[in-house]
Amino acid sequence: YPNVFQFPYKFAENKPCAISGHWSETYFHNANPIVLELGCGKGEYAVS
């Protein structure tokens, strides 16, 4: 899926992710505000 990024805990090891700071240019391709839904479950809120 192009809209899914998967990083389990063991991946991080106190290192920042390469996409950190680059969500707008790398994925969204615009400068619009970014909103997070934490604990999104099935994603109903994020999608709606």
All heavy atoms as atom14 arrays in JSON, in Angstrom:
{
  "sequence": "YPNVFQFPYKFAENKPCAISGHWSETYFHNANPIVLELGCGKGEYAVS",
  "atom14_mask": [
    [1, 1, 1, 1, 1, 1, 1, 1, 1, 1, 1, 1, 0, 0],
    [1, 1, 1, 1, 1, 1, 1, 0, 0, 0, 0, 0, 0, 0],
    [1, 1, 1, 1, 1, 1, 1, 1, 0, 0, 0, 0, 0, 0],
    [1, 1, 1, 1, 1, 1, 1, 0, 0, 0, 0, 0, 0, 0],
    [1, 1, 1, 1, 1, 1, 1, 1, 1, 1, 1, 0, 0, 0],
    [1, 1, 1, 1, 1, 1, 1, 1, 1, 0, 0, 0, 0, 0],
    [1, 1, 1, 1, 1, 1, 1, 1, 1, 1, 1, 0, 0, 0],
    [1, 1, 1, 1, 1, 1, 1, 0, 0, 0, 0, 0, 0, 0],
    [1, 1, 1, 1, 1, 1, 1, 1, 1, 1, 1, 1, 0, 0],
    [1, 1, 1, 1, 1, 1, 1, 1, 1, 0, 0, 0, 0, 0],
    [1, 1, 1, 1, 1, 1, 1, 1, 1, 1, 1, 0, 0, 0],
    [1, 1, 1, 1, 1, 0, 0, 0, 0, 0, 0, 0, 0, 0],
    [1, 1, 1, 1, 1, 1, 1, 1, 1, 0, 0, 0, 0, 0],
    [1, 1, 1, 1, 1, 1, 1, 1, 0, 0, 0, 0, 0, 0],
    [1, 1, 1, 1, 1, 1, 1, 1, 1, 0, 0, 0, 0, 0],
    [1, 1, 1, 1, 1, 1, 1, 0, 0, 0, 0, 0, 0, 0],
    [1, 1, 1, 1, 1, 1, 0, 0, 0, 0, 0, 0, 0, 0],
    [1, 1, 1, 1, 1, 0, 0, 0, 0, 0, 0, 0, 0, 0],
    [1, 1, 1, 1, 1, 1, 1, 1, 0, 0, 0, 0, 0, 0],
    [1, 1, 1, 1, 1, 1, 0, 0, 0, 0, 0, 0, 0, 0],
    [1, 1, 1, 1, 0, 0, 0, 0, 0, 0, 0, 0, 0, 0],
    [1, 1, 1, 1, 1, 1, 1, 1, 1, 1, 0, 0, 0, 0],
    [1, 1, 1, 1, 1, 1, 1, 1, 1, 1, 1, 1, 1, 1],
    [1, 1, 1, 1, 1, 1, 0, 0, 0, 0, 0, 0, 0, 0],
    [1, 1, 1, 1, 1, 1, 1, 1, 1, 0, 0, 0, 0, 0],
    [1, 1, 1, 1, 1, 1, 1, 0, 0, 0, 0, 0, 0, 0],
    [1, 1, 1, 1, 1, 1, 1, 1, 1, 1, 1, 1, 0, 0],
    [1, 1, 1, 1, 1, 1, 1, 1, 1, 1, 1, 0, 0, 0],
    [1, 1, 1, 1, 1, 1, 1, 1, 1, 1, 0, 0, 0, 0],
    [1, 1, 1, 1, 1, 1, 1, 1, 0, 0, 0, 0, 0, 0],
    [1, 1, 1, 1, 1, 0, 0, 0, 0, 0, 0, 0, 0, 0],
    [1, 1, 1, 1, 1, 1, 1, 1, 0, 0, 0, 0, 0, 0],
    [1, 1, 1, 1, 1, 1, 1, 0, 0, 0, 0, 0, 0, 0],
    [1, 1, 1, 1, 1, 1, 1, 1, 0, 0, 0, 0, 0, 0],
    [1, 1, 1, 1, 1, 1, 1, 0, 0, 0, 0, 0, 0, 0],
    [1, 1, 1, 1, 1, 1, 1, 1, 0, 0, 0, 0, 0, 0],
    [1, 1, 1, 1, 1, 1, 1, 1, 1, 0, 0, 0, 0, 0],
    [1, 1, 1, 1, 1, 1, 1, 1, 0, 0, 0, 0, 0, 0],
    [1, 1, 1, 1, 0, 0, 0, 0, 0, 0, 0, 0, 0, 0],
    [1, 1, 1, 1, 1, 1, 0, 0, 0, 0, 0, 0, 0, 0],
    [1, 1, 1, 1, 0, 0, 0, 0, 0, 0, 0, 0, 0, 0],
    [1, 1, 1, 1, 1, 1, 1, 1, 1, 0, 0, 0, 0, 0],
    [1, 1, 1, 1, 0, 0, 0, 0, 0, 0, 0, 0, 0, 0],
    [1, 1, 1, 1, 1, 1, 1, 1, 1, 0, 0, 0, 0, 0],
    [1, 1, 1, 1, 1, 1, 1, 1, 1, 1, 1, 1, 0, 0],
    [1, 1, 1, 1, 1, 0, 0, 0, 0, 0, 0, 0, 0, 0],
    [1, 1, 1, 1, 1, 1, 1, 0, 0, 0, 0, 0, 0, 0],
    [1, 1, 1, 1, 1, 1, 0, 0, 0, 0, 0, 0, 0, 0]
  ],
  "atom14_positions": [
    [[0.84, -1.2, 0.0], [0.0, 0.0, 0.0], [0.88, 1.25, 0.0], [1.7, 1.43, 0.9], [-0.9, 0.02, 1.23], [-2.15, -0.82, 1.14], [-2.28, -1.83, 0.18], [-3.21, -0.61, 2.01], [-3.43, -2.59, 0.11], [-4.37, -1.36, 1.94], [-4.47, -2.35, 0.98], [-5.61, -3.1, 0.91], [0.0, 0.0, 0.0], [0.0, 0.0, 0.0]],
    [[0.69, 2.16, -0.95], [1.49, 3.39, -0.98], [1.15, 4.36, 0.14], [1.94, 5.28, 0.42], [1.16, 3.99, -2.35], [-0.21, 3.48, -2.67], [-0.26, 2.09, -2.1], [0.0, 0.0, 0.0], [0.0, 0.0, 0.0], [0.0, 0.0, 0.0], [0.0, 0.0, 0.0], [0.0, 0.0, 0.0], [0.0, 0.0, 0.0], [0.0, 0.0, 0.0]],
    [[0.0, 4.18, 0.79], [-0.41, 5.11, 1.86], [-0.13, 4.56, 3.25], [-0.61, 5.13, 4.24], [-1.9, 5.46, 1.72], [-2.82, 4.24, 1.86], [-2.35, 3.1, 1.79], [-4.11, 4.49, 2.03], [0.0, 0.0, 0.0], [0.0, 0.0, 0.0], [0.0, 0.0, 0.0], [0.0, 0.0, 0.0], [0.0, 0.0, 0.0], [0.0, 0.0, 0.0]],
    [[0.64, 3.49, 3.35], [0.95, 2.89, 4.66], [2.46, 2.85, 4.87], [3.22, 2.43, 3.99], [0.38, 1.46, 4.77], [0.81, 0.82, 6.09], [-1.15, 1.48, 4.67], [0.0, 0.0, 0.0], [0.0, 0.0, 0.0], [0.0, 0.0, 0.0], [0.0, 0.0, 0.0], [0.0, 0.0, 0.0], [0.0, 0.0, 0.0], [0.0, 0.0, 0.0]],
    [[2.88, 3.3, 6.06], [4.29, 3.28, 6.46], [4.38, 2.43, 7.72], [3.69, 2.71, 8.71], [4.79, 4.69, 6.72], [4.68, 5.59, 5.53], [3.47, 6.19, 5.18], [5.79, 5.85, 4.73], [3.36, 7.01, 4.06], [5.7, 6.67, 3.62], [4.48, 7.26, 3.28], [0.0, 0.0, 0.0], [0.0, 0.0, 0.0], [0.0, 0.0, 0.0]],
    [[5.21, 1.38, 7.71], [5.27, 0.45, 8.82], [6.65, 0.44, 9.46], [7.65, 0.12, 8.8], [4.92, -0.97, 8.35], [3.53, -1.05, 7.7], [3.07, -2.47, 7.48], [2.58, -3.12, 8.4], [3.22, -2.98, 6.27], [0.0, 0.0, 0.0], [0.0, 0.0, 0.0], [0.0, 0.0, 0.0], [0.0, 0.0, 0.0], [0.0, 0.0, 0.0]],
    [[6.69, 0.8, 10.75], [7.95, 0.86, 11.48], [7.74, 0.29, 12.88], [7.34, 1.01, 13.8], [8.46, 2.3, 11.59], [8.73, 2.94, 10.26], [7.86, 3.89, 9.75], [9.85, 2.59, 9.54], [8.12, 4.5, 8.52], [10.12, 3.19, 8.31], [9.25, 4.14, 7.8], [0.0, 0.0, 0.0], [0.0, 0.0, 0.0], [0.0, 0.0, 0.0]],
    [[8.01, -1.0, 13.08], [7.86, -1.57, 14.43], [8.88, -0.97, 15.39], [9.87, -0.35, 14.98], [8.14, -3.06, 14.2], [8.96, -3.1, 12.95], [8.48, -1.97, 12.1], [0.0, 0.0, 0.0], [0.0, 0.0, 0.0], [0.0, 0.0, 0.0], [0.0, 0.0, 0.0], [0.0, 0.0, 0.0], [0.0, 0.0, 0.0], [0.0, 0.0, 0.0]],
    [[8.65, -1.18, 16.67], [9.48, -0.57, 17.72], [10.96, -0.89, 17.52], [11.82, -0.03, 17.67], [9.03, -1.05, 19.09], [9.64, -0.28, 20.24], [9.01, 0.84, 20.75], [10.84, -0.69, 20.8], [9.57, 1.55, 21.79], [11.41, 0.01, 21.84], [10.76, 1.14, 22.34], [11.33, 1.84, 23.36], [0.0, 0.0, 0.0], [0.0, 0.0, 0.0]],
    [[11.26, -2.11, 17.16], [12.65, -2.53, 17.04], [13.38, -1.77, 15.93], [14.6, -1.68, 15.92], [12.74, -4.02, 16.78], [12.09, -4.47, 15.47], [12.18, -5.98, 15.31], [11.53, -6.43, 14.0], [11.6, -7.9, 13.84], [0.0, 0.0, 0.0], [0.0, 0.0, 0.0], [0.0, 0.0, 0.0], [0.0, 0.0, 0.0], [0.0, 0.0, 0.0]],
    [[12.61, -1.21, 14.99], [13.22, -0.46, 13.89], [13.89, 0.82, 14.38], [14.97, 1.2, 13.93], [12.15, -0.09, 12.85], [12.52, 1.1, 12.0], [13.32, 0.95, 10.88], [12.08, 2.38, 12.32], [13.67, 2.05, 10.11], [12.43, 3.47, 11.57], [13.22, 3.31, 10.45], [0.0, 0.0, 0.0], [0.0, 0.0, 0.0], [0.0, 0.0, 0.0]],
    [[13.24, 1.48, 15.33], [13.64, 2.84, 15.69], [14.99, 2.9, 16.41], [15.9, 3.6, 16.0], [12.55, 3.49, 16.54], [0.0, 0.0, 0.0], [0.0, 0.0, 0.0], [0.0, 0.0, 0.0], [0.0, 0.0, 0.0], [0.0, 0.0, 0.0], [0.0, 0.0, 0.0], [0.0, 0.0, 0.0], [0.0, 0.0, 0.0], [0.0, 0.0, 0.0]],
    [[15.12, 2.18, 17.51], [16.36, 2.15, 18.27], [16.95, 3.56, 18.48], [18.11, 3.82, 18.2], [17.4, 1.25, 17.57], [16.97, -0.2, 17.52], [18.0, -1.09, 16.84], [18.94, -0.55, 16.24], [17.84, -2.31, 16.92], [0.0, 0.0, 0.0], [0.0, 0.0, 0.0], [0.0, 0.0, 0.0], [0.0, 0.0, 0.0], [0.0, 0.0, 0.0]],
    [[16.08, 4.46, 18.91], [16.47, 5.83, 19.22], [16.94, 6.64, 18.01], [17.54, 7.7, 18.15], [17.58, 5.85, 20.28], [17.09, 5.3, 21.6], [15.99, 5.66, 22.06], [17.86, 4.42, 22.22], [0.0, 0.0, 0.0], [0.0, 0.0, 0.0], [0.0, 0.0, 0.0], [0.0, 0.0, 0.0], [0.0, 0.0, 0.0], [0.0, 0.0, 0.0]],
    [[16.67, 6.14, 16.81], [17.04, 6.87, 15.61], [15.81, 7.53, 15.01], [14.74, 6.94, 14.98], [17.66, 5.93, 14.58], [18.95, 5.27, 15.02], [19.51, 4.37, 13.92], [18.58, 3.21, 13.64], [19.16, 2.26, 12.67], [0.0, 0.0, 0.0], [0.0, 0.0, 0.0], [0.0, 0.0, 0.0], [0.0, 0.0, 0.0], [0.0, 0.0, 0.0]],
    [[15.93, 8.75, 14.49], [14.78, 9.37, 13.81], [14.51, 8.67, 12.49], [15.4, 8.08, 11.87], [15.25, 10.81, 13.59], [16.74, 10.72, 13.55], [17.1, 9.63, 14.52], [0.0, 0.0, 0.0], [0.0, 0.0, 0.0], [0.0, 0.0, 0.0], [0.0, 0.0, 0.0], [0.0, 0.0, 0.0], [0.0, 0.0, 0.0], [0.0, 0.0, 0.0]],
    [[13.27, 8.71, 12.06], [12.88, 8.1, 10.79], [13.2, 9.07, 9.65], [13.08, 10.29, 9.81], [11.39, 7.79, 10.82], [10.75, 7.08, 9.3], [0.0, 0.0, 0.0], [0.0, 0.0, 0.0], [0.0, 0.0, 0.0], [0.0, 0.0, 0.0], [0.0, 0.0, 0.0], [0.0, 0.0, 0.0], [0.0, 0.0, 0.0], [0.0, 0.0, 0.0]],
    [[13.56, 8.53, 8.49], [13.96, 9.38, 7.36], [12.84, 10.3, 6.9], [13.1, 11.4, 6.4], [14.42, 8.5, 6.2], [0.0, 0.0, 0.0], [0.0, 0.0, 0.0], [0.0, 0.0, 0.0], [0.0, 0.0, 0.0], [0.0, 0.0, 0.0], [0.0, 0.0, 0.0], [0.0, 0.0, 0.0], [0.0, 0.0, 0.0], [0.0, 0.0, 0.0]],
    [[11.58, 9.88, 7.08], [10.47, 10.71, 6.62], [10.15, 11.84, 7.61], [9.41, 12.76, 7.29], [9.21, 9.85, 6.35], [8.26, 10.59, 5.41], [8.51, 9.46, 7.66], [7.11, 9.75, 4.92], [0.0, 0.0, 0.0], [0.0, 0.0, 0.0], [0.0, 0.0, 0.0], [0.0, 0.0, 0.0], [0.0, 0.0, 0.0], [0.0, 0.0, 0.0]],
    [[10.72, 11.78, 8.8], [10.5, 12.83, 9.8], [10.89, 14.19, 9.23], [12.01, 14.37, 8.74], [11.32, 12.54, 11.06], [11.24, 13.62, 11.97], [0.0, 0.0, 0.0], [0.0, 0.0, 0.0], [0.0, 0.0, 0.0], [0.0, 0.0, 0.0], [0.0, 0.0, 0.0], [0.0, 0.0, 0.0], [0.0, 0.0, 0.0], [0.0, 0.0, 0.0]],
    [[9.96, 15.12, 9.25], [10.21, 16.45, 8.7], [9.95, 16.57, 7.22], [10.08, 17.66, 6.65], [0.0, 0.0, 0.0], [0.0, 0.0, 0.0], [0.0, 0.0, 0.0], [0.0, 0.0, 0.0], [0.0, 0.0, 0.0], [0.0, 0.0, 0.0], [0.0, 0.0, 0.0], [0.0, 0.0, 0.0], [0.0, 0.0, 0.0], [0.0, 0.0, 0.0]],
    [[9.58, 15.45, 6.58], [9.42, 15.45, 5.12], [8.1, 14.86, 4.65], [7.97, 14.49, 3.49], [10.58, 14.68, 4.48], [11.93, 15.2, 4.85], [12.43, 16.38, 4.34], [12.87, 14.72, 5.71], [13.64, 16.6, 4.86], [13.92, 15.61, 5.69], [0.0, 0.0, 0.0], [0.0, 0.0, 0.0], [0.0, 0.0, 0.0], [0.0, 0.0, 0.0]],
    [[7.11, 14.75, 5.56], [5.82, 14.19, 5.15], [5.18, 15.01, 4.03], [4.63, 14.45, 3.09], [4.88, 14.12, 6.36], [5.2, 13.02, 7.3], [6.01, 13.07, 8.4], [4.72, 11.66, 7.23], [6.06, 11.85, 9.03], [5.29, 10.96, 8.34], [3.87, 10.98, 6.37], [5.02, 9.61, 8.58], [3.6, 9.63, 6.61], [4.17, 8.97, 7.7]],
    [[5.24, 16.32, 4.15], [4.58, 17.18, 3.15], [5.18, 17.01, 1.76], [4.46, 16.89, 0.77], [4.67, 18.64, 3.59], [3.9, 18.86, 4.75], [0.0, 0.0, 0.0], [0.0, 0.0, 0.0], [0.0, 0.0, 0.0], [0.0, 0.0, 0.0], [0.0, 0.0, 0.0], [0.0, 0.0, 0.0], [0.0, 0.0, 0.0], [0.0, 0.0, 0.0]],
    [[6.49, 17.0, 1.67], [7.14, 16.91, 0.36], [7.23, 15.48, -0.17], [7.14, 15.25, -1.38], [8.54, 17.52, 0.43], [9.48, 16.81, 1.4], [10.75, 17.59, 1.67], [10.69, 18.57, 2.44], [11.79, 17.2, 1.12], [0.0, 0.0, 0.0], [0.0, 0.0, 0.0], [0.0, 0.0, 0.0], [0.0, 0.0, 0.0], [0.0, 0.0, 0.0]],
    [[7.39, 14.51, 0.74], [7.6, 13.13, 0.31], [6.31, 12.4, -0.02], [6.24, 11.66, -1.01], [8.36, 12.34, 1.4], [9.6, 12.99, 1.66], [8.63, 10.91, 0.96], [0.0, 0.0, 0.0], [0.0, 0.0, 0.0], [0.0, 0.0, 0.0], [0.0, 0.0, 0.0], [0.0, 0.0, 0.0], [0.0, 0.0, 0.0], [0.0, 0.0, 0.0]],
    [[5.27, 12.62, 0.8], [4.03, 11.89, 0.56], [2.89, 12.78, 0.08], [2.26, 12.5, -0.93], [3.6, 11.12, 1.82], [2.3, 10.37, 1.58], [2.3, 9.18, 0.86], [1.08, 10.87, 2.03], [1.13, 8.51, 0.58], [-0.1, 10.2, 1.76], [-0.08, 9.02, 1.04], [-1.25, 8.36, 0.76], [0.0, 0.0, 0.0], [0.0, 0.0, 0.0]],
    [[2.59, 13.84, 0.82], [1.4, 14.64, 0.5], [1.62, 15.6, -0.67], [0.67, 15.99, -1.33], [0.95, 15.42, 1.74], [0.45, 14.53, 2.85], [1.15, 14.44, 4.04], [-0.7, 13.79, 2.7], [0.69, 13.63, 5.08], [-1.17, 12.97, 3.71], [-0.47, 12.89, 4.91], [0.0, 0.0, 0.0], [0.0, 0.0, 0.0], [0.0, 0.0, 0.0]],
    [[2.84, 16.03, -0.89], [3.19, 16.92, -1.99], [2.42, 18.24, -1.93], [1.97, 18.78, -2.94], [2.94, 16.23, -3.35], [3.64, 14.91, -3.48], [5.02, 14.8, -3.5], [3.17, 13.63, -3.56], [5.37, 13.53, -3.6], [4.26, 12.8, -3.63], [0.0, 0.0, 0.0], [0.0, 0.0, 0.0], [0.0, 0.0, 0.0], [0.0, 0.0, 0.0]],
    [[2.26, 18.74, -0.72], [1.68, 20.07, -0.51], [2.1, 20.54, 0.88], [2.71, 19.79, 1.65], [0.15, 20.06, -0.66], [-0.54, 19.14, 0.32], [-0.33, 19.24, 1.53], [-1.37, 18.23, -0.19], [0.0, 0.0, 0.0], [0.0, 0.0, 0.0], [0.0, 0.0, 0.0], [0.0, 0.0, 0.0], [0.0, 0.0, 0.0], [0.0, 0.0, 0.0]],
    [[1.79, 21.78, 1.19], [2.19, 22.36, 2.47], [1.01, 22.5, 3.42], [1.03, 23.33, 4.35], [2.85, 23.71, 2.25], [0.0, 0.0, 0.0], [0.0, 0.0, 0.0], [0.0, 0.0, 0.0], [0.0, 0.0, 0.0], [0.0, 0.0, 0.0], [0.0, 0.0, 0.0], [0.0, 0.0, 0.0], [0.0, 0.0, 0.0], [0.0, 0.0, 0.0]],
    [[-0.04, 21.72, 3.22], [-1.23, 21.8, 4.07], [-0.93, 21.3, 5.49], [-0.02, 20.51, 5.7], [-2.37, 20.98, 3.48], [-2.86, 21.54, 2.16], [-2.67, 22.72, 1.88], [-3.48, 20.71, 1.34], [0.0, 0.0, 0.0], [0.0, 0.0, 0.0], [0.0, 0.0, 0.0], [0.0, 0.0, 0.0], [0.0, 0.0, 0.0], [0.0, 0.0, 0.0]],
    [[-1.7, 21.78, 6.48], [-1.5, 21.33, 7.87], [-1.63, 19.82, 8.02], [-2.44, 19.19, 7.33], [-2.61, 22.06, 8.64], [-3.0, 23.21, 7.77], [-2.8, 22.75, 6.36], [0.0, 0.0, 0.0], [0.0, 0.0, 0.0], [0.0, 0.0, 0.0], [0.0, 0.0, 0.0], [0.0, 0.0, 0.0], [0.0, 0.0, 0.0], [0.0, 0.0, 0.0]],
    [[-0.84, 19.26, 8.93], [-0.87, 17.82, 9.19], [-1.57, 17.58, 10.53], [-1.27, 18.23, 11.53], [0.54, 17.23, 9.22], [1.15, 17.29, 7.81], [0.53, 15.79, 9.73], [2.58, 16.79, 7.73], [0.0, 0.0, 0.0], [0.0, 0.0, 0.0], [0.0, 0.0, 0.0], [0.0, 0.0, 0.0], [0.0, 0.0, 0.0], [0.0, 0.0, 0.0]],
    [[-2.5, 16.63, 10.53], [-3.27, 16.25, 11.71], [-3.07, 14.76, 11.95], [-3.18, 13.96, 11.02], [-4.77, 16.55, 11.52], [-5.56, 16.18, 12.78], [-5.0, 18.02, 11.16], [0.0, 0.0, 0.0], [0.0, 0.0, 0.0], [0.0, 0.0, 0.0], [0.0, 0.0, 0.0], [0.0, 0.0, 0.0], [0.0, 0.0, 0.0], [0.0, 0.0, 0.0]],
    [[-2.77, 14.38, 13.2], [-2.59, 12.97, 13.55], [-3.81, 12.44, 14.27], [-4.44, 13.14, 15.05], [-1.38, 12.78, 14.46], [-0.01, 13.28, 14.0], [1.05, 12.84, 15.0], [0.32, 12.78, 12.62], [0.0, 0.0, 0.0], [0.0, 0.0, 0.0], [0.0, 0.0, 0.0], [0.0, 0.0, 0.0], [0.0, 0.0, 0.0], [0.0, 0.0, 0.0]],
    [[-4.13, 11.16, 14.01], [-5.06, 10.44, 14.86], [-4.26, 9.31, 15.51], [-3.84, 8.38, 14.83], [-6.24, 9.85, 14.09], [-7.23, 9.16, 15.03], [-8.25, 8.26, 14.34], [-8.22, 8.13, 13.1], [-9.08, 7.67, 15.06], [0.0, 0.0, 0.0], [0.0, 0.0, 0.0], [0.0, 0.0, 0.0], [0.0, 0.0, 0.0], [0.0, 0.0, 0.0]],
    [[-4.04, 9.4, 16.81], [-3.24, 8.41, 17.53], [-4.15, 7.33, 18.1], [-5.11, 7.62, 18.81], [-2.44, 9.08, 18.65], [-1.49, 10.19, 18.2], [-0.69, 10.71, 19.4], [-0.55, 9.71, 17.11], [0.0, 0.0, 0.0], [0.0, 0.0, 0.0], [0.0, 0.0, 0.0], [0.0, 0.0, 0.0], [0.0, 0.0, 0.0], [0.0, 0.0, 0.0]],
    [[-3.81, 6.07, 17.81], [-4.69, 4.96, 18.19], [-5.88, 4.94, 17.26], [-7.02, 4.9, 17.7], [0.0, 0.0, 0.0], [0.0, 0.0, 0.0], [0.0, 0.0, 0.0], [0.0, 0.0, 0.0], [0.0, 0.0, 0.0], [0.0, 0.0, 0.0], [0.0, 0.0, 0.0], [0.0, 0.0, 0.0], [0.0, 0.0, 0.0], [0.0, 0.0, 0.0]],
    [[-5.61, 4.94, 15.95], [-6.68, 5.15, 14.96], [-7.56, 3.92, 14.74], [-8.61, 4.04, 14.1], [-6.08, 5.6, 13.63], [-5.11, 4.33, 12.77], [0.0, 0.0, 0.0], [0.0, 0.0, 0.0], [0.0, 0.0, 0.0], [0.0, 0.0, 0.0], [0.0, 0.0, 0.0], [0.0, 0.0, 0.0], [0.0, 0.0, 0.0], [0.0, 0.0, 0.0]],
    [[-7.14, 2.73, 15.24], [-7.97, 1.55, 15.04], [-8.21, 1.27, 13.57], [-7.27, 1.14, 12.78], [0.0, 0.0, 0.0], [0.0, 0.0, 0.0], [0.0, 0.0, 0.0], [0.0, 0.0, 0.0], [0.0, 0.0, 0.0], [0.0, 0.0, 0.0], [0.0, 0.0, 0.0], [0.0, 0.0, 0.0], [0.0, 0.0, 0.0], [0.0, 0.0, 0.0]],
    [[-9.48, 1.22, 13.17], [-9.83, 0.95, 11.78], [-9.7, 2.18, 10.88], [-9.97, 2.1, 9.68], [-11.26, 0.41, 11.7], [-11.46, -0.95, 12.37], [-12.92, -1.36, 12.35], [-13.15, -2.71, 13.02], [-12.62, -3.82, 12.22], [0.0, 0.0, 0.0], [0.0, 0.0, 0.0], [0.0, 0.0, 0.0], [0.0, 0.0, 0.0], [0.0, 0.0, 0.0]],
    [[-9.33, 3.32, 11.47], [-9.08, 4.52, 10.67], [-10.32, 5.33, 10.3], [-10.27, 6.18, 9.42], [0.0, 0.0, 0.0], [0.0, 0.0, 0.0], [0.0, 0.0, 0.0], [0.0, 0.0, 0.0], [0.0, 0.0, 0.0], [0.0, 0.0, 0.0], [0.0, 0.0, 0.0], [0.0, 0.0, 0.0], [0.0, 0.0, 0.0], [0.0, 0.0, 0.0]],
    [[-11.44, 5.09, 10.99], [-12.68, 5.78, 10.63], [-12.54, 7.3, 10.74], [-13.03, 8.04, 9.88], [-13.85, 5.32, 11.5], [-14.17, 3.83, 11.4], [-13.63, 3.07, 12.6], [-12.48, 3.35, 12.99], [-14.35, 2.21, 13.13], [0.0, 0.0, 0.0], [0.0, 0.0, 0.0], [0.0, 0.0, 0.0], [0.0, 0.0, 0.0], [0.0, 0.0, 0.0]],
    [[-11.9, 7.76, 11.82], [-11.8, 9.21, 11.99], [-10.86, 9.82, 10.97], [-11.17, 10.85, 10.36], [-11.36, 9.56, 13.43], [-12.42, 10.34, 14.16], [-13.44, 9.66, 14.83], [-12.45, 11.72, 14.15], [-14.44, 10.35, 15.48], [-13.45, 12.42, 14.79], [-14.45, 11.75, 15.45], [-15.46, 12.44, 16.07], [0.0, 0.0, 0.0], [0.0, 0.0, 0.0]],
    [[-9.7, 9.2, 10.78], [-8.74, 9.75, 9.82], [-9.34, 9.85, 8.43], [-9.22, 10.88, 7.75], [-7.48, 8.89, 9.81], [0.0, 0.0, 0.0], [0.0, 0.0, 0.0], [0.0, 0.0, 0.0], [0.0, 0.0, 0.0], [0.0, 0.0, 0.0], [0.0, 0.0, 0.0], [0.0, 0.0, 0.0], [0.0, 0.0, 0.0], [0.0, 0.0, 0.0]],
    [[-10.01, 8.8, 7.99], [-10.61, 8.8, 6.65], [-11.76, 9.8, 6.56], [-11.86, 10.56, 5.59], [-11.09, 7.38, 6.28], [-11.92, 7.4, 4.99], [-9.9, 6.44, 6.13], [0.0, 0.0, 0.0], [0.0, 0.0, 0.0], [0.0, 0.0, 0.0], [0.0, 0.0, 0.0], [0.0, 0.0, 0.0], [0.0, 0.0, 0.0], [0.0, 0.0, 0.0]],
    [[-12.62, 9.83, 7.57], [-13.76, 10.76, 7.54], [-13.3, 12.21, 7.57], [-13.84, 13.06, 6.86], [-14.69, 10.47, 8.73], [-15.26, 9.19, 8.63], [0.0, 0.0, 0.0], [0.0, 0.0, 0.0], [0.0, 0.0, 0.0], [0.0, 0.0, 0.0], [0.0, 0.0, 0.0], [0.0, 0.0, 0.0], [0.0, 0.0, 0.0], [0.0, 0.0, 0.0]]
  ]
}
